[in-house]
Protein backbone atom coordinates (compact mmCIF):
# COMPACT_ATOMS: atom_id res chain seq x y z
CA MET A 1 -0.05 0.18 -0.01
CA ALA A 2 1.26 3.32 -0.96
CA ARG A 3 1.81 5.67 1.45
CA PRO A 4 -0.90 8.30 0.73
CA ASP A 5 -2.87 5.12 1.13
CA LYS A 6 -1.73 4.30 4.15
CA ALA A 7 -2.72 7.49 5.67
CA ALA A 8 -6.03 7.94 4.28
CA ALA A 9 -6.56 4.49 5.77
CA VAL A 10 -5.46 5.31 9.21
CA ALA A 11 -7.47 8.43 9.37
CA GLU A 12 -10.44 6.74 8.71
CA LEU A 13 -9.87 4.05 11.22
CA THR A 14 -8.68 6.96 13.41
CA GLU A 15 -12.28 8.80 12.89
CA ASP A 16 -14.17 5.57 13.41
CA PHE A 17 -12.47 4.84 16.78
CA ARG A 18 -13.09 8.43 17.79
CA SER A 19 -16.97 7.86 16.60
CA ALA A 20 -17.42 4.61 18.15
CA SER A 21 -19.55 4.51 21.18
CA ALA A 22 -18.15 0.68 21.44
CA THR A 23 -15.58 -1.43 19.44
CA VAL A 24 -14.93 -5.25 19.18
CA LEU A 25 -12.57 -6.91 17.82
CA THR A 26 -12.47 -10.12 16.18
CA GLU A 27 -10.84 -12.74 14.38
CA TYR A 28 -12.77 -13.71 10.93
CA ARG A 29 -10.71 -16.73 9.27
CA GLY A 30 -12.59 -19.14 7.94
CA LEU A 31 -15.46 -16.87 7.29
CA SER A 32 -16.94 -17.10 3.48
CA VAL A 33 -18.03 -13.60 2.04
CA THR A 34 -21.37 -14.51 2.11
CA SER A 35 -20.97 -15.01 5.72
CA MET A 36 -19.40 -11.60 6.20
CA LYS A 37 -22.12 -10.21 4.54
CA GLU A 38 -24.68 -11.89 6.87
CA LEU A 39 -22.96 -10.32 9.95
CA ARG A 40 -22.86 -7.01 8.64
CA ARG A 41 -26.65 -6.84 7.83
CA ALA A 42 -27.05 -8.47 11.45
CA LEU A 43 -25.02 -5.44 12.83
CA GLY A 44 -27.11 -3.26 11.27
CA SER A 45 -26.36 0.36 9.96
CA ASP A 46 -25.30 1.57 12.81
CA THR A 47 -21.90 -0.97 13.21
CA LYS A 48 -19.17 -0.54 10.82
CA TYR A 49 -17.47 -3.90 10.37
CA SER A 50 -14.34 -3.60 8.99
CA VAL A 51 -11.31 -5.98 7.54
CA VAL A 52 -8.44 -4.23 9.13
CA LYS A 53 -4.43 -4.12 8.83
CA ASN A 54 -3.24 -4.65 12.33
CA THR A 55 -0.09 -2.31 12.24
CA LEU A 56 -2.13 0.35 10.38
CA THR A 57 -4.90 -0.44 13.42
CA LYS A 58 -2.46 0.35 16.24
CA ILE A 59 -1.58 3.50 14.91
CA ALA A 60 -4.98 4.26 14.41
CA ALA A 61 -5.78 3.60 17.80
CA LYS A 62 -3.40 5.21 19.18
CA ASP A 63 -4.32 8.35 17.56
CA ALA A 64 -7.74 8.48 18.69
CA GLY A 65 -6.31 8.09 22.11
CA VAL A 66 -7.71 4.39 22.44
CA ASP A 67 -5.44 2.23 24.42
CA ILE A 68 -5.96 -1.26 22.65
CA ASP A 69 -3.94 -4.34 24.22
CA PRO A 70 -1.69 -5.69 21.20
CA SER A 71 -2.61 -9.15 21.85
CA LEU A 72 -6.02 -8.32 20.30
CA LEU A 73 -4.05 -7.06 17.28
CA ALA A 74 -3.00 -10.97 16.18
CA GLY A 75 -3.92 -12.69 13.08
CA PRO A 76 -6.40 -11.55 10.71
CA SER A 77 -8.35 -8.87 11.84
CA ALA A 78 -11.89 -7.54 11.81
CA VAL A 79 -13.47 -4.59 14.07
CA ALA A 80 -17.11 -3.69 14.73
CA PHE A 81 -17.02 0.07 15.30
CA ILE A 82 -20.43 0.19 16.93
CA LYS A 83 -22.42 3.81 16.69
CA GLY A 84 -25.93 2.79 18.41
CA ASP A 85 -26.80 0.63 20.96
CA PRO A 86 -23.75 -1.69 22.30
CA ILE A 87 -26.32 -3.97 23.71
CA ASP A 88 -27.56 -4.83 20.34
CA ALA A 89 -24.65 -5.09 18.55
CA ALA A 90 -22.88 -7.68 21.47
CA LYS A 91 -26.12 -9.55 20.90
CA SER A 92 -25.91 -9.97 17.51
CA LEU A 93 -22.23 -10.85 17.32
CA LYS A 94 -22.52 -13.42 20.06
CA ASN A 95 -25.96 -15.02 18.04
CA PHE A 96 -23.75 -15.19 14.88
CA SER A 97 -20.66 -16.73 16.84
CA LYS A 98 -22.73 -19.28 18.17
CA GLU A 99 -23.92 -20.30 14.38
CA ASN A 100 -20.52 -19.51 13.08
CA PRO A 101 -17.49 -20.82 14.87
CA PHE A 102 -15.49 -19.51 12.84
CA LEU A 103 -16.10 -15.75 14.19
CA VAL A 104 -13.96 -15.04 17.18
CA ILE A 105 -14.26 -12.69 19.52
CA LYS A 106 -11.08 -11.46 21.04
CA GLY A 107 -11.95 -8.32 22.87
CA GLY A 108 -13.00 -4.76 22.86
CA ILE A 109 -13.04 -0.93 24.12
CA PHE A 110 -16.22 0.00 26.13
CA GLU A 111 -17.02 3.27 27.25
CA GLY A 112 -13.25 3.92 26.76
CA LYS A 113 -11.93 1.03 28.86
CA SER A 114 -10.78 -2.54 27.69
CA VAL A 115 -13.60 -5.21 28.26
CA THR A 116 -12.67 -9.14 27.75
CA VAL A 117 -14.82 -11.56 25.94
CA ALA A 118 -16.28 -12.39 29.04
CA GLU A 119 -17.54 -9.02 29.75
CA ILE A 120 -18.95 -8.52 26.34
CA MET A 121 -21.11 -11.59 26.62
CA LYS A 122 -22.33 -10.03 29.62
CA LEU A 123 -23.37 -6.85 27.66
CA ALA A 124 -25.14 -9.08 25.44
CA ASP A 125 -27.33 -10.52 28.02
CA LEU A 126 -28.55 -7.32 29.22
CA GLU A 127 -32.06 -5.80 27.72
CA SER A 128 -31.27 -3.26 25.20
CA ARG A 129 -32.42 0.14 25.41
CA GLU A 130 -35.42 -0.03 23.43
CA VAL A 131 -36.80 -3.14 25.56
CA LEU A 132 -36.08 -1.10 28.74
CA LEU A 133 -37.87 2.08 27.14
CA ALA A 134 -40.84 -0.13 26.28
CA LYS A 135 -41.20 -1.54 29.81
CA LEU A 136 -40.44 1.91 31.23
CA ALA A 137 -43.55 3.24 29.18
CA GLY A 138 -45.46 0.30 30.12
CA ALA A 139 -44.88 1.10 33.70
CA MET A 140 -46.06 4.85 33.18
CA LYS A 141 -49.16 3.93 31.17
CA GLY A 142 -50.12 1.53 34.02
CA SER A 143 -49.31 4.31 36.59
CA LEU A 144 -51.40 6.99 34.71
CA ALA A 145 -54.28 4.95 34.13
CA LYS A 146 -54.51 3.86 38.06
CA ALA A 147 -54.29 7.98 38.70
CA ILE A 148 -57.00 8.59 36.03
CA ARG A 149 -59.36 6.00 37.48
CA THR A 150 -58.44 7.58 41.19
CA ILE A 151 -59.34 11.03 40.25
CA ASP A 152 -61.98 9.62 38.34
CA ALA A 153 -63.30 7.98 41.43
CA LEU A 154 -62.71 11.33 43.45
CA ARG A 155 -64.86 13.31 40.97
CA ALA A 156 -67.61 11.28 41.15
CA LYS A 157 -67.66 10.99 45.17
CA LYS A 158 -67.49 14.80 45.15
CA GLU A 159 -70.52 14.71 42.72
CA ALA A 160 -72.55 12.57 44.98
CA LEU A 161 -71.81 14.76 47.82
CA GLU A 162 -72.82 18.14 46.07
CA GLY A 163 -76.15 16.63 45.16
CA ALA A 164 -77.18 15.22 48.50
CA PRO A 165 -80.19 16.78 50.26
CA ALA A 166 -79.01 19.35 52.91
CA VAL A 167 -81.19 17.80 55.39
CA ALA A 168 -79.58 19.70 58.91
CA VAL A 169 -79.92 23.15 57.24
CA SER A 170 -83.45 22.40 55.33
CA GLU A 171 -85.12 21.25 59.10
CA ALA A 172 -84.08 24.36 61.22
CA PRO A 173 -86.56 26.56 59.75
CA VAL A 174 -89.05 24.03 60.09
CA ALA A 175 -88.35 23.99 63.72
CA GLU A 176 -88.38 27.59 64.09
CA ALA A 177 -92.02 27.99 62.52
CA ALA A 178 -93.55 25.41 64.70
CA VAL A 179 -92.20 27.29 67.84
CA GLU A 180 -94.00 30.50 66.17
CA GLU A 181 -97.34 28.90 65.47
CA ALA A 182 -97.45 27.23 68.65
CA PRO A 183 -100.95 28.78 71.11
CA ALA A 184 -99.96 31.20 73.52
CA GLU A 185 -101.43 28.76 76.03
CA VAL A 186 -98.58 26.50 75.15
CA VAL A 187 -96.36 28.52 75.35
CA ALA A 188 -97.58 30.40 78.83
CA GLU A 189 -97.53 27.23 80.07
CA ALA A 190 -93.99 26.48 78.81
CA THR A 191 -93.02 29.55 81.19
CA PRO A 192 -92.54 28.81 84.88
CA GLU A 193 -94.55 31.03 87.11
CA THR A 194 -92.86 33.59 89.11
CA PRO A 195 -93.36 32.85 92.89
CA GLU A 196 -95.68 35.52 94.69
CA ALA A 197 -93.82 38.03 97.24
CA THR A 198 -93.66 37.15 100.80
CA PRO A 199 -95.43 40.05 102.92
CA GLU A 200 -92.93 41.82 105.19
CA VAL A 201 -93.60 40.74 108.74
CA THR A 202 -93.89 43.98 110.74
CA GLU A 203 -93.40 44.05 114.80
């Protein structure tokens, strides 16, 4: 490869490292062209899967400020530059490697730190962002429905109370009217008589 081509390749790889949210290094020895196409399709448009030259990749990683263990760049290498959800990409790589043993996952970089194959497998077992968001939306929907039911119940209770007859208030005037209409004799009987004054005795 001529020097200008190498410089362009390094520049492209450097940008791939910088723009990726995660990077997974693999060995593809034995994979057919058809299998490689299937893998790229499985990874989706948010992940760039590139066959790379180890020497240029080391230079590009250094230029991008990414620390890669040299042992990960041994043998025929291909790198998955993940720009979408790392969990989805890890799932795709894990599932593909089960059906295609020639794909060997060697390690990677996640959130700026080196990760082992075991850690990538654990990442693949997590629920993706879309699944978590769907569960959160479901929980919020359930809470909202419960809140609406509570509000409806309170509104119905309030309306029932407002529509109830005011018994205590309506009976008070009736009682007063009964007193006013009572015969004078009844009122007089109800009033205690004043005892007569005792005559003063003089000596």
